[in-house]
């Protein structure tokens, strides 16, 4: 199982035969929705500009309102008391669970924490960056079936400018993975990423996006990028 090609994955290799990054419409599966959780990481940096904080809080509230799934919000690293209070208020209002952690592993560290704690609670685990909003219509057109173990956002076109092959990764904005896929990564690599620095490109993209996607392929699963999953405010 496991074609290296992103945009054309035969069904017998675990994909749905992607054409130009899109899936054919398939119906939603309520049973799967009930067995899925989403991790939303906030505050990757020690010092975040006020306008970015306001946008993140706005996005977080929109996601909490529109996503009808269990949501786990992680605050990674240091954050101002005002920022933390706003996140706490939102999580209480929308009955999400918030936890704080060091910034080790960035987004992927929080994703790993949620998976480790709730490994046998859910069948599907998603991670959604706070500067992206999940498109509610996506649930109607592209929910995974038993043939699909990974869904992610298409990579930025600027990846080529960084010397990165677009077929090696999908964006960090959104990833949805099955339990067996994440178990295989954990068993082989012990973590999703071990980045510990504070460089957004190296830790966030090279070790984060690229590293995580490389691990998916290394354990024998294909990447499945889909356009239109999220609205990004970057």
C-alpha atoms as a PDB file:
ATOM      1  CA  UNK A   1       0.000   0.000   0.000  1.00  0.00           C
ATOM      2  CA  UNK A   2       1.538   3.343  -0.728  1.00  0.00           C
ATOM      3  CA  UNK A   3       2.031   5.190  -3.976  1.00  0.00           C
ATOM      4  CA  UNK A   4       4.465   8.097  -3.789  1.00  0.00           C
ATOM      5  CA  UNK A   5       2.259  10.109  -6.147  1.00  0.00           C
ATOM      6  CA  UNK A   6      -0.018  12.657  -4.547  1.00  0.00           C
ATOM      7  CA  UNK A   7      -2.490  13.399  -7.286  1.00  0.00           C
ATOM      8  CA  UNK A   8      -3.248   9.996  -8.755  1.00  0.00           C
ATOM      9  CA  UNK A   9      -3.571   7.211  -6.202  1.00  0.00           C
ATOM     10  CA  UNK A  10      -5.293   4.023  -7.413  1.00  0.00           C
ATOM     11  CA  UNK A  11      -8.023   2.658  -5.178  1.00  0.00           C
ATOM     12  CA  UNK A  12      -6.131  -0.598  -4.671  1.00  0.00           C
ATOM     13  CA  UNK A  13      -3.248   1.385  -3.148  1.00  0.00           C
ATOM     14  CA  UNK A  14      -5.379   2.952  -0.467  1.00  0.00           C
ATOM     15  CA  UNK A  15      -6.475   6.099  -2.252  1.00  0.00           C
ATOM     16  CA  UNK A  16      -9.511   7.187  -4.185  1.00  0.00           C
ATOM     17  CA  UNK A  17      -7.845   7.873  -7.530  1.00  0.00           C
ATOM     18  CA  UNK A  18      -7.185  11.589  -7.048  1.00  0.00           C
ATOM     19  CA  UNK A  19      -7.392  13.810 -10.109  1.00  0.00           C
ATOM     20  CA  UNK A  20      -5.959  17.334  -9.789  1.00  0.00           C
ATOM     21  CA  UNK A  21      -6.187  17.135  -6.021  1.00  0.00           C
ATOM     22  CA  UNK A  22      -9.939  16.471  -5.798  1.00  0.00           C
ATOM     23  CA  UNK A  23     -11.993  13.512  -4.590  1.00  0.00           C
ATOM     24  CA  UNK A  24     -15.204  12.440  -6.255  1.00  0.00           C
ATOM     25  CA  UNK A  25     -18.206  13.316  -4.056  1.00  0.00           C
ATOM     26  CA  UNK A  26     -19.016  10.618  -1.510  1.00  0.00           C
ATOM     27  CA  UNK A  27     -21.686  10.657   1.182  1.00  0.00           C
ATOM     28  CA  UNK A  28     -20.894  11.469   4.821  1.00  0.00           C
ATOM     29  CA  UNK A  29     -20.783   8.692   7.390  1.00  0.00           C
ATOM     30  CA  UNK A  30     -22.331   9.766  10.732  1.00  0.00           C
ATOM     31  CA  UNK A  31     -20.815   6.788  12.532  1.00  0.00           C
ATOM     32  CA  UNK A  32     -17.344   7.964  11.537  1.00  0.00           C
ATOM     33  CA  UNK A  33     -18.110  11.526  12.589  1.00  0.00           C
ATOM     34  CA  UNK A  34     -18.910  10.227  16.062  1.00  0.00           C
ATOM     35  CA  UNK A  35     -15.525   8.513  16.230  1.00  0.00           C
ATOM     36  CA  UNK A  36     -13.418  11.513  15.238  1.00  0.00           C
ATOM     37  CA  UNK A  37     -11.698  14.267  17.196  1.00  0.00           C
ATOM     38  CA  UNK A  38      -9.913  17.432  16.104  1.00  0.00           C
ATOM     39  CA  UNK A  39      -6.818  19.014  17.637  1.00  0.00           C
ATOM     40  CA  UNK A  40      -6.459  22.802  17.235  1.00  0.00           C
ATOM     41  CA  UNK A  41      -3.033  24.204  18.207  1.00  0.00           C
ATOM     42  CA  UNK A  42      -2.661  27.886  19.113  1.00  0.00           C
ATOM     43  CA  UNK A  43       0.294  30.110  20.007  1.00  0.00           C
ATOM     44  CA  UNK A  44       3.397  28.689  18.385  1.00  0.00           C
ATOM     45  CA  UNK A  45       5.486  31.719  19.297  1.00  0.00           C
ATOM     46  CA  UNK A  46       6.443  33.395  22.554  1.00  0.00           C
ATOM     47  CA  UNK A  47       5.497  36.833  21.241  1.00  0.00           C
ATOM     48  CA  UNK A  48       2.552  37.144  18.864  1.00  0.00           C
ATOM     49  CA  UNK A  49       1.421  40.516  17.411  1.00  0.00           C
ATOM     50  CA  UNK A  50      -1.932  41.741  18.693  1.00  0.00           C
ATOM     51  CA  UNK A  51      -3.601  41.633  15.274  1.00  0.00           C
ATOM     52  CA  UNK A  52      -2.564  37.994  14.814  1.00  0.00           C
ATOM     53  CA  UNK A  53      -3.911  37.102  18.269  1.00  0.00           C
ATOM     54  CA  UNK A  54      -7.258  38.683  17.418  1.00  0.00           C
ATOM     55  CA  UNK A  55      -7.433  36.766  14.133  1.00  0.00           C
ATOM     56  CA  UNK A  56      -6.553  33.492  15.848  1.00  0.00           C
ATOM     57  CA  UNK A  57      -9.218  34.022  18.509  1.00  0.00           C
ATOM     58  CA  UNK A  58     -11.776  34.840  15.800  1.00  0.00           C
ATOM     59  CA  UNK A  59     -10.849  31.723  13.815  1.00  0.00           C
ATOM     60  CA  UNK A  60     -10.910  29.561  16.922  1.00  0.00           C
ATOM     61  CA  UNK A  61     -14.424  30.718  17.769  1.00  0.00           C
ATOM     62  CA  UNK A  62     -15.636  30.083  14.207  1.00  0.00           C
ATOM     63  CA  UNK A  63     -14.194  26.562  14.275  1.00  0.00           C
ATOM     64  CA  UNK A  64     -15.622  25.815  17.712  1.00  0.00           C
ATOM     65  CA  UNK A  65     -19.058  26.969  16.532  1.00  0.00           C
ATOM     66  CA  UNK A  66     -19.098  25.096  13.225  1.00  0.00           C
ATOM     67  CA  UNK A  67     -17.324  21.806  13.953  1.00  0.00           C
ATOM     68  CA  UNK A  68     -19.641  19.345  15.655  1.00  0.00           C
ATOM     69  CA  UNK A  69     -16.918  17.002  16.857  1.00  0.00           C
ATOM     70  CA  UNK A  70     -14.872  16.646  20.061  1.00  0.00           C
ATOM     71  CA  UNK A  71     -12.220  19.383  19.956  1.00  0.00           C
ATOM     72  CA  UNK A  72      -8.948  19.550  21.891  1.00  0.00           C
ATOM     73  CA  UNK A  73      -7.256  22.966  21.947  1.00  0.00           C
ATOM     74  CA  UNK A  74      -3.565  23.108  22.852  1.00  0.00           C
ATOM     75  CA  UNK A  75      -1.653  26.244  23.780  1.00  0.00           C
ATOM     76  CA  UNK A  76       1.926  25.518  22.761  1.00  0.00           C
ATOM     77  CA  UNK A  77       4.641  27.456  24.530  1.00  0.00           C
ATOM     78  CA  UNK A  78       4.325  30.817  26.243  1.00  0.00           C
ATOM     79  CA  UNK A  79       1.283  33.057  25.868  1.00  0.00           C
ATOM     80  CA  UNK A  80       0.027  36.238  27.489  1.00  0.00           C
ATOM     81  CA  UNK A  81      -2.510  35.954  30.303  1.00  0.00           C
ATOM     82  CA  UNK A  82      -5.027  37.867  28.162  1.00  0.00           C
ATOM     83  CA  UNK A  83      -4.638  35.404  25.294  1.00  0.00           C
ATOM     84  CA  UNK A  84      -4.974  32.390  27.576  1.00  0.00           C
ATOM     85  CA  UNK A  85      -8.074  33.841  29.234  1.00  0.00           C
ATOM     86  CA  UNK A  86      -9.737  34.331  25.839  1.00  0.00           C
ATOM     87  CA  UNK A  87      -8.981  30.756  24.817  1.00  0.00           C
ATOM     88  CA  UNK A  88     -10.250  29.423  28.148  1.00  0.00           C
ATOM     89  CA  UNK A  89     -13.492  31.403  27.789  1.00  0.00           C
ATOM     90  CA  UNK A  90     -14.085  30.025  24.288  1.00  0.00           C
ATOM     91  CA  UNK A  91     -13.328  26.432  25.204  1.00  0.00           C
ATOM     92  CA  UNK A  92     -15.709  26.613  28.141  1.00  0.00           C
ATOM     93  CA  UNK A  93     -18.418  28.249  26.051  1.00  0.00           C
ATOM     94  CA  UNK A  94     -18.243  25.609  23.322  1.00  0.00           C
ATOM     95  CA  UNK A  95     -17.367  22.669  25.577  1.00  0.00           C
ATOM     96  CA  UNK A  96     -13.952  21.993  24.076  1.00  0.00           C
ATOM     97  CA  UNK A  97     -10.999  20.716  26.104  1.00  0.00           C
ATOM     98  CA  UNK A  98      -7.943  22.954  26.484  1.00  0.00           C
ATOM     99  CA  UNK A  99      -4.472  21.934  27.631  1.00  0.00           C
ATOM    100  CA  UNK A 100      -1.110  23.689  27.833  1.00  0.00           C
ATOM    101  CA  UNK A 101       2.211  22.213  26.797  1.00  0.00           C
ATOM    102  CA  UNK A 102       5.798  23.210  25.912  1.00  0.00           C
ATOM    103  CA  UNK A 103       6.321  24.067  22.261  1.00  0.00           C
ATOM    104  CA  UNK A 104       8.249  20.839  21.609  1.00  0.00           C
ATOM    105  CA  UNK A 105       7.114  19.439  18.292  1.00  0.00           C
ATOM    106  CA  UNK A 106       5.055  22.513  17.439  1.00  0.00           C
ATOM    107  CA  UNK A 107       1.606  21.558  16.052  1.00  0.00           C
ATOM    108  CA  UNK A 108       2.644  17.921  15.712  1.00  0.00           C
ATOM    109  CA  UNK A 109       3.625  17.640  19.355  1.00  0.00           C
ATOM    110  CA  UNK A 110       0.111  18.604  20.437  1.00  0.00           C
ATOM    111  CA  UNK A 111      -1.370  16.257  17.838  1.00  0.00           C
ATOM    112  CA  UNK A 112       0.751  13.439  19.255  1.00  0.00           C
ATOM    113  CA  UNK A 113      -0.338  14.286  22.817  1.00  0.00           C
ATOM    114  CA  UNK A 114      -4.020  14.080  21.856  1.00  0.00           C
ATOM    115  CA  UNK A 115      -3.488  10.815  19.969  1.00  0.00           C
ATOM    116  CA  UNK A 116      -1.526   9.247  22.831  1.00  0.00           C
ATOM    117  CA  UNK A 117      -4.136  10.160  25.426  1.00  0.00           C
ATOM    118  CA  UNK A 118      -7.177   9.191  23.355  1.00  0.00           C
ATOM    119  CA  UNK A 119      -5.766   6.451  21.138  1.00  0.00           C
ATOM    120  CA  UNK A 120      -8.611   4.029  21.833  1.00  0.00           C
ATOM    121  CA  UNK A 121     -11.378   6.634  22.110  1.00  0.00           C
ATOM    122  CA  UNK A 122     -11.461   7.678  18.441  1.00  0.00           C
ATOM    123  CA  UNK A 123     -10.932   6.036  15.063  1.00  0.00           C
ATOM    124  CA  UNK A 124      -9.891   9.278  13.338  1.00  0.00           C
ATOM    125  CA  UNK A 125      -7.650  12.119  14.541  1.00  0.00           C
ATOM    126  CA  UNK A 126      -7.400  15.522  12.860  1.00  0.00           C
ATOM    127  CA  UNK A 127      -5.201  18.550  13.455  1.00  0.00           C
ATOM    128  CA  UNK A 128      -6.291  22.006  12.277  1.00  0.00           C
ATOM    129  CA  UNK A 129      -4.079  25.100  12.499  1.00  0.00           C
ATOM    130  CA  UNK A 130      -5.764  28.035  14.175  1.00  0.00           C
ATOM    131  CA  UNK A 131      -5.207  30.347  11.191  1.00  0.00           C
ATOM    132  CA  UNK A 132      -7.384  28.057   9.062  1.00  0.00           C
ATOM    133  CA  UNK A 133     -11.135  27.475   9.221  1.00  0.00           C
ATOM    134  CA  UNK A 134     -12.539  24.102   8.289  1.00  0.00           C
ATOM    135  CA  UNK A 135     -15.055  24.354   5.470  1.00  0.00           C
ATOM    136  CA  UNK A 136     -18.309  22.762   6.759  1.00  0.00           C
ATOM    137  CA  UNK A 137     -19.228  21.694   3.197  1.00  0.00           C
ATOM    138  CA  UNK A 138     -16.148  19.480   3.178  1.00  0.00           C
ATOM    139  CA  UNK A 139     -17.950  16.997   5.404  1.00  0.00           C
ATOM    140  CA  UNK A 140     -20.558  16.586   2.669  1.00  0.00           C
ATOM    141  CA  UNK A 141     -18.175  15.980  -0.221  1.00  0.00           C
ATOM    142  CA  UNK A 142     -14.963  14.390   0.997  1.00  0.00           C
ATOM    143  CA  UNK A 143     -15.323  12.442   4.213  1.00  0.00           C
ATOM    144  CA  UNK A 144     -12.966   9.431   4.289  1.00  0.00           C
ATOM    145  CA  UNK A 145     -14.122   5.872   3.852  1.00  0.00           C
ATOM    146  CA  UNK A 146     -12.387   2.668   4.848  1.00  0.00           C
ATOM    147  CA  UNK A 147     -10.281   2.973   1.683  1.00  0.00           C
ATOM    148  CA  UNK A 148      -8.653   6.218   2.817  1.00  0.00           C
ATOM    149  CA  UNK A 149      -6.314   6.678   5.795  1.00  0.00           C
ATOM    150  CA  UNK A 150      -5.078  10.233   5.247  1.00  0.00           C
ATOM    151  CA  UNK A 151      -6.463  13.556   4.044  1.00  0.00           C
ATOM    152  CA  UNK A 152      -4.490  16.799   4.026  1.00  0.00           C
ATOM    153  CA  UNK A 153      -4.395  20.235   2.451  1.00  0.00           C
ATOM    154  CA  UNK A 154      -2.583  20.769  -0.815  1.00  0.00           C
ATOM    155  CA  UNK A 155       0.937  22.180  -0.341  1.00  0.00           C
ATOM    156  CA  UNK A 156       1.694  25.849  -0.869  1.00  0.00           C
ATOM    157  CA  UNK A 157       2.943  26.703  -4.353  1.00  0.00           C
ATOM    158  CA  UNK A 158       5.836  28.513  -2.670  1.00  0.00           C
ATOM    159  CA  UNK A 159       7.219  25.140  -1.577  1.00  0.00           C
ATOM    160  CA  UNK A 160       9.172  24.989  -4.830  1.00  0.00           C
ATOM    161  CA  UNK A 161      10.903  28.224  -3.819  1.00  0.00           C
ATOM    162  CA  UNK A 162      12.149  26.470  -0.697  1.00  0.00           C
ATOM    163  CA  UNK A 163      13.549  23.637  -2.791  1.00  0.00           C
ATOM    164  CA  UNK A 164      10.739  21.296  -1.722  1.00  0.00           C
ATOM    165  CA  UNK A 165       9.029  18.809  -4.016  1.00  0.00           C
ATOM    166  CA  UNK A 166       5.241  19.305  -3.817  1.00  0.00           C
ATOM    167  CA  UNK A 167       4.795  15.540  -4.023  1.00  0.00           C
ATOM    168  CA  UNK A 168       6.604  14.974  -0.726  1.00  0.00           C
ATOM    169  CA  UNK A 169       4.138  16.670   1.580  1.00  0.00           C
ATOM    170  CA  UNK A 170       0.837  18.426   2.171  1.00  0.00           C
ATOM    171  CA  UNK A 171       0.316  21.603   4.165  1.00  0.00           C
ATOM    172  CA  UNK A 172       0.248  21.642   7.945  1.00  0.00           C
ATOM    173  CA  UNK A 173      -3.075  23.492   7.975  1.00  0.00           C
ATOM    174  CA  UNK A 174      -5.166  20.324   8.185  1.00  0.00           C
ATOM    175  CA  UNK A 175      -4.469  16.606   8.429  1.00  0.00           C
ATOM    176  CA  UNK A 176      -6.947  13.822   9.114  1.00  0.00           C
ATOM    177  CA  UNK A 177      -5.443  10.404   9.844  1.00  0.00           C
ATOM    178  CA  UNK A 178      -6.844   7.035  10.808  1.00  0.00           C
ATOM    179  CA  UNK A 179      -5.880   5.363  14.058  1.00  0.00           C
ATOM    180  CA  UNK A 180      -3.940   2.538  12.291  1.00  0.00           C
ATOM    181  CA  UNK A 181      -1.877   5.092  10.362  1.00  0.00           C
ATOM    182  CA  UNK A 182      -0.931   7.081  13.470  1.00  0.00           C
ATOM    183  CA  UNK A 183      -0.210   3.878  15.382  1.00  0.00           C
ATOM    184  CA  UNK A 184       2.176   2.805  12.625  1.00  0.00           C
ATOM    185  CA  UNK A 185       4.001   6.159  12.781  1.00  0.00           C
ATOM    186  CA  UNK A 186       4.231   6.054  16.572  1.00  0.00           C
ATOM    187  CA  UNK A 187       5.488   2.461  16.594  1.00  0.00           C
ATOM    188  CA  UNK A 188       8.195   3.168  14.020  1.00  0.00           C
ATOM    189  CA  UNK A 189       9.291   6.710  14.940  1.00  0.00           C
ATOM    190  CA  UNK A 190       8.105   7.166  18.578  1.00  0.00           C
ATOM    191  CA  UNK A 191       6.755  10.660  17.765  1.00  0.00           C
ATOM    192  CA  UNK A 192       5.231  12.695  14.926  1.00  0.00           C
ATOM    193  CA  UNK A 193       8.117  15.187  14.999  1.00  0.00           C
ATOM    194  CA  UNK A 194      10.777  15.975  17.556  1.00  0.00           C
ATOM    195  CA  UNK A 195      11.448  19.592  16.582  1.00  0.00           C
ATOM    196  CA  UNK A 196      12.543  21.699  19.561  1.00  0.00           C
ATOM    197  CA  UNK A 197      13.744  24.971  18.018  1.00  0.00           C
ATOM    198  CA  UNK A 198      11.849  28.136  17.187  1.00  0.00           C
ATOM    199  CA  UNK A 199      12.447  28.591  13.461  1.00  0.00           C
ATOM    200  CA  UNK A 200       9.082  28.479  11.623  1.00  0.00           C
ATOM    201  CA  UNK A 201      10.591  27.215   8.357  1.00  0.00           C
ATOM    202  CA  UNK A 202      12.887  24.559   9.802  1.00  0.00           C
ATOM    203  CA  UNK A 203      10.711  23.358  12.689  1.00  0.00           C
ATOM    204  CA  UNK A 204       7.306  24.089  11.209  1.00  0.00           C
ATOM    205  CA  UNK A 205       7.831  23.087   7.574  1.00  0.00           C
ATOM    206  CA  UNK A 206      10.962  20.932   7.243  1.00  0.00           C
ATOM    207  CA  UNK A 207      10.619  18.885  10.453  1.00  0.00           C
ATOM    208  CA  UNK A 208       6.858  19.432  10.776  1.00  0.00           C
ATOM    209  CA  UNK A 209       5.012  19.306   7.465  1.00  0.00           C
ATOM    210  CA  UNK A 210       7.708  17.493   5.481  1.00  0.00           C
ATOM    211  CA  UNK A 211       8.773  15.261   8.360  1.00  0.00           C
ATOM    212  CA  UNK A 212       5.257  14.140   9.231  1.00  0.00           C
ATOM    213  CA  UNK A 213       4.313  13.478   5.617  1.00  0.00           C
ATOM    214  CA  UNK A 214       7.561  11.589   5.045  1.00  0.00           C
ATOM    215  CA  UNK A 215       6.682   9.375   8.008  1.00  0.00           C
ATOM    216  CA  UNK A 216       3.236   8.674   6.528  1.00  0.00           C
ATOM    217  CA  UNK A 217       4.864   7.456   3.332  1.00  0.00           C
ATOM    218  CA  UNK A 218       7.589   5.582   5.195  1.00  0.00           C
ATOM    219  CA  UNK A 219       5.043   3.365   6.951  1.00  0.00           C
ATOM    220  CA  UNK A 220       3.404   2.527   3.630  1.00  0.00           C
ATOM    221  CA  UNK A 221       0.443   4.893   3.312  1.00  0.00           C
ATOM    222  CA  UNK A 222      -0.216   7.423   0.514  1.00  0.00           C
ATOM    223  CA  UNK A 223      -0.788  11.132   1.003  1.00  0.00           C
ATOM    224  CA  UNK A 224      -4.175  12.428  -0.128  1.00  0.00           C
ATOM    225  CA  UNK A 225      -4.254  16.228  -0.637  1.00  0.00           C
ATOM    226  CA  UNK A 226      -7.650  17.845  -1.227  1.00  0.00           C
ATOM    227  CA  UNK A 227      -8.229  21.422  -2.282  1.00  0.00           C
ATOM    228  CA  UNK A 228     -10.997  23.378  -0.576  1.00  0.00           C
ATOM    229  CA  UNK A 229     -10.855  21.715   2.857  1.00  0.00           C
ATOM    230  CA  UNK A 230     -10.133  24.968   4.650  1.00  0.00           C
ATOM    231  CA  UNK A 231     -10.340  28.704   4.331  1.00  0.00           C
ATOM    232  CA  UNK A 232      -6.950  30.117   5.250  1.00  0.00           C
ATOM    233  CA  UNK A 233      -6.411  33.585   6.712  1.00  0.00           C
ATOM    234  CA  UNK A 234      -2.669  33.615   6.146  1.00  0.00           C
END
